[in-house]
C-alpha atoms as a PDB file:
ATOM      1  CA  MET A   1       0.198  89.271 146.245  1.00  0.00           C
ATOM      2  CA  TYR A   2      -0.767  92.753 147.358  1.00  0.00           C
ATOM      3  CA  ASN A   3      -0.208  93.751 150.993  1.00  0.00           C
ATOM      4  CA  ARG A   4      -2.741  96.463 151.759  1.00  0.00           C
ATOM      5  CA  GLY A   5      -1.128  97.362 155.085  1.00  0.00           C
ATOM      6  CA  ASP A   6       2.219  98.171 153.493  1.00  0.00           C
ATOM      7  CA  ASP A   7       0.736  99.302 150.155  1.00  0.00           C
ATOM      8  CA  ALA A   8       3.211  97.038 148.380  1.00  0.00           C
ATOM      9  CA  TRP A   9       3.406  93.867 146.310  1.00  0.00           C
ATOM     10  CA  ILE A  10       4.997  90.736 147.813  1.00  0.00           C
ATOM     11  CA  VAL A  11       6.494  87.939 145.697  1.00  0.00           C
ATOM     12  CA  ALA A  12       6.253  84.450 147.205  1.00  0.00           C
ATOM     13  CA  ASP A  13       9.234  82.125 146.700  1.00  0.00           C
ATOM     14  CA  CYS A  14       6.952  79.262 145.648  1.00  0.00           C
ATOM     15  CA  GLY A  15       3.931  78.355 143.545  1.00  0.00           C
ATOM     16  CA  VAL A  16       0.304  78.969 144.481  1.00  0.00           C
ATOM     17  CA  VAL A  17      -0.380  75.476 145.831  1.00  0.00           C
ATOM     18  CA  GLU A  18       2.706  75.479 148.047  1.00  0.00           C
ATOM     19  CA  PHE A  19       1.920  79.035 149.177  1.00  0.00           C
ATOM     20  CA  LEU A  20      -1.597  78.027 150.250  1.00  0.00           C
ATOM     21  CA  TYR A  21      -0.288  74.882 151.956  1.00  0.00           C
ATOM     22  CA  ARG A  22       2.288  76.913 153.895  1.00  0.00           C
ATOM     23  CA  THR A  23      -0.273  79.571 154.792  1.00  0.00           C
ATOM     24  CA  LEU A  24      -2.941  77.173 156.009  1.00  0.00           C
ATOM     25  CA  ASN A  25      -0.389  75.173 157.989  1.00  0.00           C
ATOM     26  CA  THR A  26       1.172  78.348 159.466  1.00  0.00           C
ATOM     27  CA  GLU A  27       4.589  77.583 157.995  1.00  0.00           C
ATOM     28  CA  ASP A  28       5.143  81.133 156.735  1.00  0.00           C
ATOM     29  CA  GLU A  29       6.370  83.519 159.380  1.00  0.00           C
ATOM     30  CA  ASP A  30       5.426  86.693 157.513  1.00  0.00           C
ATOM     31  CA  ASP A  31       1.681  86.300 158.184  1.00  0.00           C
ATOM     32  CA  SER A  32       0.960  86.781 154.478  1.00  0.00           C
ATOM     33  CA  LEU A  33      -2.781  86.394 154.858  1.00  0.00           C
ATOM     34  CA  SER A  34      -3.371  88.016 158.211  1.00  0.00           C
ATOM     35  CA  GLY A  35      -6.892  87.591 159.465  1.00  0.00           C
ATOM     36  CA  VAL A  36      -7.453  84.233 157.786  1.00  0.00           C
ATOM     37  CA  MET A  37      -9.442  82.108 160.232  1.00  0.00           C
ATOM     38  CA  GLU A  38      -7.954  78.840 158.955  1.00  0.00           C
ATOM     39  CA  TRP A  39      -4.503  79.546 160.453  1.00  0.00           C
ATOM     40  CA  GLY A  40      -3.236  76.328 161.981  1.00  0.00           C
ATOM     41  CA  ALA A  41      -6.341  74.306 161.118  1.00  0.00           C
ATOM     42  CA  ALA A  42      -5.624  70.622 161.655  1.00  0.00           C
ATOM     43  CA  GLY A  43      -7.170  69.638 158.341  1.00  0.00           C
ATOM     44  CA  PRO A  44      -7.714  72.579 155.994  1.00  0.00           C
ATOM     45  CA  ARG A  45      -9.941  71.582 153.114  1.00  0.00           C
ATOM     46  CA  PHE A  46     -11.934  72.856 150.171  1.00  0.00           C
ATOM     47  CA  LEU A  47     -15.573  72.047 149.546  1.00  0.00           C
ATOM     48  CA  THR A  48     -17.454  72.825 146.377  1.00  0.00           C
ATOM     49  CA  GLU A  49     -20.876  74.395 146.815  1.00  0.00           C
ATOM     50  CA  ALA A  50     -22.469  71.123 145.686  1.00  0.00           C
ATOM     51  CA  GLU A  51     -20.522  69.109 148.280  1.00  0.00           C
ATOM     52  CA  GLU A  52     -21.394  71.604 151.022  1.00  0.00           C
ATOM     53  CA  ARG A  53     -25.109  71.336 150.101  1.00  0.00           C
ATOM     54  CA  ARG A  54     -24.892  67.524 150.064  1.00  0.00           C
ATOM     55  CA  ILE A  55     -23.357  67.449 153.553  1.00  0.00           C
ATOM     56  CA  LYS A  56     -25.946  69.901 154.894  1.00  0.00           C
ATOM     57  CA  ALA A  57     -28.765  67.847 153.332  1.00  0.00           C
ATOM     58  CA  SER A  58     -27.491  64.791 155.211  1.00  0.00           C
ATOM     59  CA  GLY A  59     -27.972  66.700 158.471  1.00  0.00           C
ATOM     60  CA  GLN A  60     -24.279  67.219 159.160  1.00  0.00           C
ATOM     61  CA  ASP A  61     -22.302  70.424 159.610  1.00  0.00           C
ATOM     62  CA  PRO A  62     -19.918  70.818 156.654  1.00  0.00           C
ATOM     63  CA  TRP A  63     -17.717  73.153 158.712  1.00  0.00           C
ATOM     64  CA  PRO A  64     -17.526  71.714 162.231  1.00  0.00           C
ATOM     65  CA  ASP A  65     -15.617  73.699 164.835  1.00  0.00           C
ATOM     66  CA  ASP A  66     -12.450  71.663 165.419  1.00  0.00           C
ATOM     67  CA  THR A  67     -11.372  73.841 168.363  1.00  0.00           C
ATOM     68  CA  GLU A  68     -13.612  72.151 170.914  1.00  0.00           C
END
């Protein structure tokens, strides 16, 4: 991945899925994706646009704030 701050490329020691898992669960100490709001989220997840629309149509918030 490209690190804009250092103007350099970084090679992760794992595959994409493991990299994302580590990043979203704050297991990587190098802060590879600084500024990502999902850092340390209890249950990071992916929603398709269709699923997000379905949840909104049911009157629920598809992205509830878990920090409260």
